PDB file of all heavy atoms in Angstrom:
ATOM      1  N   GLY A   1    -242.562 173.330  94.243  1.00  0.00           N
ATOM      2  CA  GLY A   1    -242.660 173.897  92.853  1.00  0.00           C
ATOM      3  C   GLY A   1    -244.082 173.941  92.432  1.00  0.00           C
ATOM      4  O   GLY A   1    -244.434 174.984  91.665  1.00  0.00           O
ATOM      5  N   ALA A   2    -244.836 173.005  92.720  1.00  0.00           N
ATOM      6  CA  ALA A   2    -246.245 172.996  92.228  1.00  0.00           C
ATOM      7  C   ALA A   2    -247.047 174.132  92.969  1.00  0.00           C
ATOM      8  O   ALA A   2    -247.974 174.769  92.350  1.00  0.00           O
ATOM      9  CB  ALA A   2    -246.995 171.605  92.579  1.00  0.00           C
ATOM     10  N   THR A   3    -246.704 174.256  94.295  1.00  0.00           N
ATOM     11  CA  THR A   3    -247.348 175.442  95.020  1.00  0.00           C
ATOM     12  C   THR A   3    -246.921 176.787  94.291  1.00  0.00           C
ATOM     13  O   THR A   3    -247.857 177.577  94.176  1.00  0.00           O
ATOM     14  CB  THR A   3    -246.956 175.398  96.519  1.00  0.00           C
ATOM     15  OG1 THR A   3    -247.398 174.222  97.038  1.00  0.00           O
ATOM     16  CG2 THR A   3    -247.644 176.475  97.234  1.00  0.00           C
ATOM     17  N   ASP A   4    -245.669 176.900  94.039  1.00  0.00           N
ATOM     18  CA  ASP A   4    -245.226 178.095  93.418  1.00  0.00           C
ATOM     19  C   ASP A   4    -245.946 178.322  91.997  1.00  0.00           C
ATOM     20  O   ASP A   4    -246.385 179.495  91.690  1.00  0.00           O
ATOM     21  CB  ASP A   4    -243.717 178.121  93.142  1.00  0.00           C
ATOM     22  CG  ASP A   4    -243.022 178.208  94.517  1.00  0.00           C
ATOM     23  OD1 ASP A   4    -243.671 178.497  95.556  1.00  0.00           O
ATOM     24  OD2 ASP A   4    -241.727 178.066  94.436  1.00  0.00           O
ATOM     25  N   ALA A   5    -246.121 177.217  91.305  1.00  0.00           N
ATOM     26  CA  ALA A   5    -246.767 177.336  89.985  1.00  0.00           C
ATOM     27  C   ALA A   5    -248.157 177.764  90.194  1.00  0.00           C
ATOM     28  O   ALA A   5    -248.681 178.560  89.343  1.00  0.00           O
ATOM     29  CB  ALA A   5    -246.626 176.054  89.221  1.00  0.00           C
ATOM     30  N   LEU A   6    -248.888 177.310  91.091  1.00  0.00           N
ATOM     31  CA  LEU A   6    -250.242 177.675  91.406  1.00  0.00           C
ATOM     32  C   LEU A   6    -250.317 179.162  91.751  1.00  0.00           C
ATOM     33  O   LEU A   6    -251.192 179.968  91.234  1.00  0.00           O
ATOM     34  CB  LEU A   6    -250.900 176.869  92.579  1.00  0.00           C
ATOM     35  CG  LEU A   6    -252.329 177.243  92.873  1.00  0.00           C
ATOM     36  CD1 LEU A   6    -253.244 177.154  91.575  1.00  0.00           C
ATOM     37  CD2 LEU A   6    -252.874 176.418  94.044  1.00  0.00           C
ATOM     38  N   GLY A   7    -249.372 179.569  92.565  1.00  0.00           N
ATOM     39  CA  GLY A   7    -249.325 181.066  92.871  1.00  0.00           C
ATOM     40  C   GLY A   7    -249.122 181.915  91.708  1.00  0.00           C
ATOM     41  O   GLY A   7    -249.774 183.020  91.494  1.00  0.00           O
ATOM     42  N   ARG A   8    -248.201 181.428  90.769  1.00  0.00           N
ATOM     43  CA  ARG A   8    -248.018 182.280  89.428  1.00  0.00           C
ATOM     44  C   ARG A   8    -249.269 182.244  88.598  1.00  0.00           C
ATOM     45  O   ARG A   8    -249.693 183.282  88.062  1.00  0.00           O
ATOM     46  CB  ARG A   8    -246.800 181.606  88.779  1.00  0.00           C
ATOM     47  CG  ARG A   8    -245.483 181.958  89.378  1.00  0.00           C
ATOM     48  CD  ARG A   8    -244.299 181.553  88.491  1.00  0.00           C
ATOM     49  NE  ARG A   8    -244.356 180.146  88.141  1.00  0.00           N
ATOM     50  CZ  ARG A   8    -243.739 179.197  88.815  1.00  0.00           C
ATOM     51  NH1 ARG A   8    -243.126 179.402  89.988  1.00  0.00           N
ATOM     52  NH2 ARG A   8    -243.744 177.944  88.329  1.00  0.00           N
ATOM     53  N   GLN A   9    -249.954 181.076  88.515  1.00  0.00           N
ATOM     54  CA  GLN A   9    -251.111 180.982  87.743  1.00  0.00           C
ATOM     55  C   GLN A   9    -252.253 181.871  88.209  1.00  0.00           C
ATOM     56  O   GLN A   9    -252.867 182.559  87.455  1.00  0.00           O
ATOM     57  CB  GLN A   9    -251.578 179.538  87.719  1.00  0.00           C
ATOM     58  CG  GLN A   9    -252.690 179.272  86.748  1.00  0.00           C
ATOM     59  CD  GLN A   9    -252.990 177.788  86.725  1.00  0.00           C
ATOM     60  OE1 GLN A   9    -252.991 177.112  87.729  1.00  0.00           O
ATOM     61  NE2 GLN A   9    -253.331 177.272  85.462  1.00  0.00           N
ATOM     62  N   LEU A  10    -252.376 181.896  89.559  1.00  0.00           N
ATOM     63  CA  LEU A  10    -253.418 182.770  90.117  1.00  0.00           C
ATOM     64  C   LEU A  10    -253.079 184.194  89.987  1.00  0.00           C
ATOM     65  O   LEU A  10    -253.980 185.008  89.713  1.00  0.00           O
ATOM     66  CB  LEU A  10    -253.637 182.334  91.604  1.00  0.00           C
ATOM     67  CG  LEU A  10    -254.318 181.027  91.843  1.00  0.00           C
ATOM     68  CD1 LEU A  10    -254.185 180.562  93.316  1.00  0.00           C
ATOM     69  CD2 LEU A  10    -255.742 181.055  91.443  1.00  0.00           C
ATOM     70  N   ALA A  11    -251.927 184.562  90.106  1.00  0.00           N
ATOM     71  CA  ALA A  11    -251.395 185.953  89.968  1.00  0.00           C
ATOM     72  C   ALA A  11    -251.636 186.424  88.561  1.00  0.00           C
ATOM     73  O   ALA A  11    -252.066 187.588  88.343  1.00  0.00           O
ATOM     74  CB  ALA A  11    -249.950 186.096  90.447  1.00  0.00           C
ATOM     75  N   GLY A  12    -251.423 185.556  87.603  1.00  0.00           N
ATOM     76  CA  GLY A  12    -251.547 185.896  86.186  1.00  0.00           C
ATOM     77  C   GLY A  12    -252.930 186.016  85.747  1.00  0.00           C
ATOM     78  O   GLY A  12    -253.304 186.581  84.636  1.00  0.00           O
ATOM     79  N   SER A  13    -253.984 185.601  86.525  1.00  0.00           N
ATOM     80  CA  SER A  13    -255.374 185.608  86.077  1.00  0.00           C
ATOM     81  C   SER A  13    -256.230 186.420  87.024  1.00  0.00           C
ATOM     82  O   SER A  13    -257.400 186.528  86.716  1.00  0.00           O
ATOM     83  CB  SER A  13    -255.843 184.147  85.994  1.00  0.00           C
ATOM     84  OG  SER A  13    -255.734 183.475  87.252  1.00  0.00           O
ATOM     85  N   GLN A  14    -255.711 186.887  88.102  1.00  0.00           N
ATOM     86  CA  GLN A  14    -256.668 187.511  89.058  1.00  0.00           C
ATOM     87  C   GLN A  14    -257.247 188.756  88.629  1.00  0.00           C
ATOM     88  O   GLN A  14    -256.611 189.551  87.848  1.00  0.00           O
ATOM     89  CB  GLN A  14    -255.855 187.851  90.352  1.00  0.00           C
ATOM     90  CG  GLN A  14    -254.943 189.028  90.220  1.00  0.00           C
ATOM     91  CD  GLN A  14    -254.184 189.334  91.508  1.00  0.00           C
ATOM     92  OE1 GLN A  14    -253.581 188.489  91.993  1.00  0.00           O
ATOM     93  NE2 GLN A  14    -254.260 190.499  91.847  1.00  0.00           N
ATOM     94  N   PRO A  15    -258.428 189.019  88.954  1.00  0.00           N
ATOM     95  CA  PRO A  15    -259.110 190.262  88.631  1.00  0.00           C
ATOM     96  C   PRO A  15    -258.599 191.306  89.599  1.00  0.00           C
ATOM     97  O   PRO A  15    -258.133 191.087  90.693  1.00  0.00           O
ATOM     98  CB  PRO A  15    -260.632 189.983  88.885  1.00  0.00           C
ATOM     99  CG  PRO A  15    -260.574 188.913  89.904  1.00  0.00           C
ATOM    100  CD  PRO A  15    -259.331 188.085  89.694  1.00  0.00           C
ATOM    101  N   PRO A  16    -258.718 192.633  89.181  1.00  0.00           N
ATOM    102  CA  PRO A  16    -258.286 193.705  90.175  1.00  0.00           C
ATOM    103  C   PRO A  16    -259.151 193.705  91.296  1.00  0.00           C
ATOM    104  O   PRO A  16    -260.365 193.484  91.260  1.00  0.00           O
ATOM    105  CB  PRO A  16    -258.546 195.012  89.212  1.00  0.00           C
ATOM    106  CG  PRO A  16    -258.740 194.526  87.838  1.00  0.00           C
ATOM    107  CD  PRO A  16    -259.160 193.166  87.845  1.00  0.00           C
ATOM    108  N   GLY A  17    -258.573 194.041  92.589  1.00  0.00           N
ATOM    109  CA  GLY A  17    -259.350 194.054  93.724  1.00  0.00           C
ATOM    110  C   GLY A  17    -259.702 192.784  94.230  1.00  0.00           C
ATOM    111  O   GLY A  17    -260.588 192.684  95.075  1.00  0.00           O
ATOM    112  N   ALA A  18    -259.016 191.746  93.879  1.00  0.00           N
ATOM    113  CA  ALA A  18    -259.489 190.281  94.233  1.00  0.00           C
ATOM    114  C   ALA A  18    -259.255 190.002  95.734  1.00  0.00           C
ATOM    115  O   ALA A  18    -258.290 190.606  96.350  1.00  0.00           O
ATOM    116  CB  ALA A  18    -258.613 189.270  93.572  1.00  0.00           C
ATOM    117  N   VAL A  19    -260.203 189.461  96.390  1.00  0.00           N
ATOM    118  CA  VAL A  19    -260.140 189.061  97.819  1.00  0.00           C
ATOM    119  C   VAL A  19    -260.089 187.619  97.887  1.00  0.00           C
ATOM    120  O   VAL A  19    -261.079 186.870  97.300  1.00  0.00           O
ATOM    121  CB  VAL A  19    -261.257 189.634  98.670  1.00  0.00           C
ATOM    122  CG1 VAL A  19    -261.192 189.182 100.066  1.00  0.00           C
ATOM    123  CG2 VAL A  19    -261.336 191.202  98.488  1.00  0.00           C
ATOM    124  N   VAL A  20    -259.005 187.059  98.475  1.00  0.00           N
ATOM    125  CA  VAL A  20    -258.842 185.595  98.598  1.00  0.00           C
ATOM    126  C   VAL A  20    -258.676 185.249 100.037  1.00  0.00           C
ATOM    127  O   VAL A  20    -257.788 185.753 100.812  1.00  0.00           O
ATOM    128  CB  VAL A  20    -257.486 185.183  97.757  1.00  0.00           C
ATOM    129  CG1 VAL A  20    -257.382 183.682  97.820  1.00  0.00           C
ATOM    130  CG2 VAL A  20    -257.729 185.660  96.320  1.00  0.00           C
ATOM    131  N   PHE A  21    -259.423 184.308 100.485  1.00  0.00           N
ATOM    132  CA  PHE A  21    -259.333 183.707 101.837  1.00  0.00           C
ATOM    133  C   PHE A  21    -258.488 182.356 101.738  1.00  0.00           C
ATOM    134  O   PHE A  21    -258.769 181.595 100.861  1.00  0.00           O
ATOM    135  CB  PHE A  21    -260.659 183.386 102.372  1.00  0.00           C
ATOM    136  CG  PHE A  21    -261.385 184.587 102.965  1.00  0.00           C
ATOM    137  CD1 PHE A  21    -260.947 185.832 102.734  1.00  0.00           C
ATOM    138  CD2 PHE A  21    -262.634 184.406 103.552  1.00  0.00           C
ATOM    139  CE1 PHE A  21    -261.709 186.987 103.220  1.00  0.00           C
ATOM    140  CE2 PHE A  21    -263.373 185.476 103.926  1.00  0.00           C
ATOM    141  CZ  PHE A  21    -262.907 186.789 103.781  1.00  0.00           C
ATOM    142  N   LEU A  22    -257.492 182.294 102.488  1.00  0.00           N
ATOM    143  CA  LEU A  22    -256.626 181.069 102.506  1.00  0.00           C
ATOM    144  C   LEU A  22    -256.877 180.316 103.793  1.00  0.00           C
ATOM    145  O   LEU A  22    -256.681 180.831 104.871  1.00  0.00           O
ATOM    146  CB  LEU A  22    -255.171 181.495 102.423  1.00  0.00           C
ATOM    147  CG  LEU A  22    -254.766 182.295 101.165  1.00  0.00           C
ATOM    148  CD1 LEU A  22    -253.344 182.819 101.350  1.00  0.00           C
ATOM    149  CD2 LEU A  22    -254.853 181.374  99.960  1.00  0.00           C
ATOM    150  N   ASP A  23    -257.415 179.152 103.673  1.00  0.00           N
ATOM    151  CA  ASP A  23    -257.765 178.277 104.781  1.00  0.00           C
ATOM    152  C   ASP A  23    -256.905 177.040 104.832  1.00  0.00           C
ATOM    153  O   ASP A  23    -256.427 176.562 103.850  1.00  0.00           O
ATOM    154  CB  ASP A  23    -259.223 177.752 104.620  1.00  0.00           C
ATOM    155  CG  ASP A  23    -260.227 178.960 104.721  1.00  0.00           C
ATOM    156  OD1 ASP A  23    -260.080 179.858 105.549  1.00  0.00           O
ATOM    157  OD2 ASP A  23    -261.227 178.820 103.874  1.00  0.00           O
ATOM    158  N   GLY A  24    -256.726 176.628 106.092  1.00  0.00           N
ATOM    159  CA  GLY A  24    -255.962 175.324 106.290  1.00  0.00           C
ATOM    160  C   GLY A  24    -255.305 175.302 107.548  1.00  0.00           C
ATOM    161  O   GLY A  24    -254.985 176.448 108.108  1.00  0.00           O
ATOM    162  N   PRO A  25    -254.929 174.136 108.030  1.00  0.00           N
ATOM    163  CA  PRO A  25    -254.201 174.061 109.337  1.00  0.00           C
ATOM    164  C   PRO A  25    -252.722 174.662 109.205  1.00  0.00           C
ATOM    165  O   PRO A  25    -252.254 175.004 108.111  1.00  0.00           O
ATOM    166  CB  PRO A  25    -254.141 172.581 109.614  1.00  0.00           C
ATOM    167  CG  PRO A  25    -254.170 171.919 108.232  1.00  0.00           C
ATOM    168  CD  PRO A  25    -255.027 172.799 107.382  1.00  0.00           C
ATOM    169  N   LEU A  26    -252.102 174.869 110.307  1.00  0.00           N
ATOM    170  CA  LEU A  26    -250.799 175.227 110.429  1.00  0.00           C
ATOM    171  C   LEU A  26    -249.874 174.292 109.580  1.00  0.00           C
ATOM    172  O   LEU A  26    -250.122 173.072 109.610  1.00  0.00           O
ATOM    173  CB  LEU A  26    -250.206 175.263 111.818  1.00  0.00           C
ATOM    174  CG  LEU A  26    -250.730 176.323 112.770  1.00  0.00           C
ATOM    175  CD1 LEU A  26    -250.334 176.132 114.182  1.00  0.00           C
ATOM    176  CD2 LEU A  26    -250.328 177.782 112.268  1.00  0.00           C
ATOM    177  N   GLY A  27    -249.022 174.836 108.747  1.00  0.00           N
ATOM    178  CA  GLY A  27    -248.052 174.100 107.899  1.00  0.00           C
ATOM    179  C   GLY A  27    -248.723 173.581 106.617  1.00  0.00           C
ATOM    180  O   GLY A  27    -248.107 172.819 105.873  1.00  0.00           O
ATOM    181  N   ALA A  28    -249.890 173.993 106.296  1.00  0.00           N
ATOM    182  CA  ALA A  28    -250.619 173.571 105.065  1.00  0.00           C
ATOM    183  C   ALA A  28    -250.082 174.246 103.826  1.00  0.00           C
ATOM    184  O   ALA A  28    -250.339 173.798 102.643  1.00  0.00           O
ATOM    185  CB  ALA A  28    -252.107 173.716 105.166  1.00  0.00           C
ATOM    186  N   GLY A  29    -249.318 175.303 103.953  1.00  0.00           N
ATOM    187  CA  GLY A  29    -248.825 175.995 102.833  1.00  0.00           C
ATOM    188  C   GLY A  29    -249.399 177.408 102.473  1.00  0.00           C
ATOM    189  O   GLY A  29    -249.233 177.927 101.309  1.00  0.00           O
ATOM    190  N   LYS A  30    -250.180 177.878 103.363  1.00  0.00           N
ATOM    191  CA  LYS A  30    -250.868 179.230 103.032  1.00  0.00           C
ATOM    192  C   LYS A  30    -249.871 180.362 102.803  1.00  0.00           C
ATOM    193  O   LYS A  30    -249.953 181.013 101.788  1.00  0.00           O
ATOM    194  CB  LYS A  30    -251.813 179.643 104.264  1.00  0.00           C
ATOM    195  CG  LYS A  30    -252.921 178.653 104.522  1.00  0.00           C
ATOM    196  CD  LYS A  30    -253.748 179.049 105.680  1.00  0.00           C
ATOM    197  CE  LYS A  30    -253.035 179.038 106.951  1.00  0.00           C
ATOM    198  NZ  LYS A  30    -252.627 177.806 107.552  1.00  0.00           N
ATOM    199  N   SER A  31    -248.846 180.475 103.644  1.00  0.00           N
ATOM    200  CA  SER A  31    -247.926 181.490 103.492  1.00  0.00           C
ATOM    201  C   SER A  31    -247.039 181.259 102.291  1.00  0.00           C
ATOM    202  O   SER A  31    -246.622 182.202 101.556  1.00  0.00           O
ATOM    203  CB  SER A  31    -246.976 181.610 104.788  1.00  0.00           C
ATOM    204  OG  SER A  31    -247.790 182.159 105.851  1.00  0.00           O
ATOM    205  N   SER A  32    -246.744 180.001 101.962  1.00  0.00           N
ATOM    206  CA  SER A  32    -245.873 179.654 100.789  1.00  0.00           C
ATOM    207  C   SER A  32    -246.635 180.095  99.511  1.00  0.00           C
ATOM    208  O   SER A  32    -246.023 180.540  98.649  1.00  0.00           O
ATOM    209  CB  SER A  32    -245.552 178.149 100.821  1.00  0.00           C
ATOM    210  OG  SER A  32    -244.807 177.795 101.886  1.00  0.00           O
ATOM    211  N   LEU A  33    -247.990 179.729  99.470  1.00  0.00           N
ATOM    212  CA  LEU A  33    -248.671 180.151  98.276  1.00  0.00           C
ATOM    213  C   LEU A  33    -248.721 181.661  98.197  1.00  0.00           C
ATOM    214  O   LEU A  33    -248.574 182.166  97.109  1.00  0.00           O
ATOM    215  CB  LEU A  33    -250.121 179.573  98.458  1.00  0.00           C
ATOM    216  CG  LEU A  33    -251.068 179.799  97.208  1.00  0.00           C
ATOM    217  CD1 LEU A  33    -250.467 179.374  95.941  1.00  0.00           C
ATOM    218  CD2 LEU A  33    -252.451 179.319  97.473  1.00  0.00           C
TER     219      LEU A  33
END
């Protein structure tokens, strides 16, 4: 739920054309975010 909330927060504040790199090991939650 906290991961989903972060995704919503970032979506609501992102600038147009934003480029985001998601780093972390397998299973860290990149795809979930």
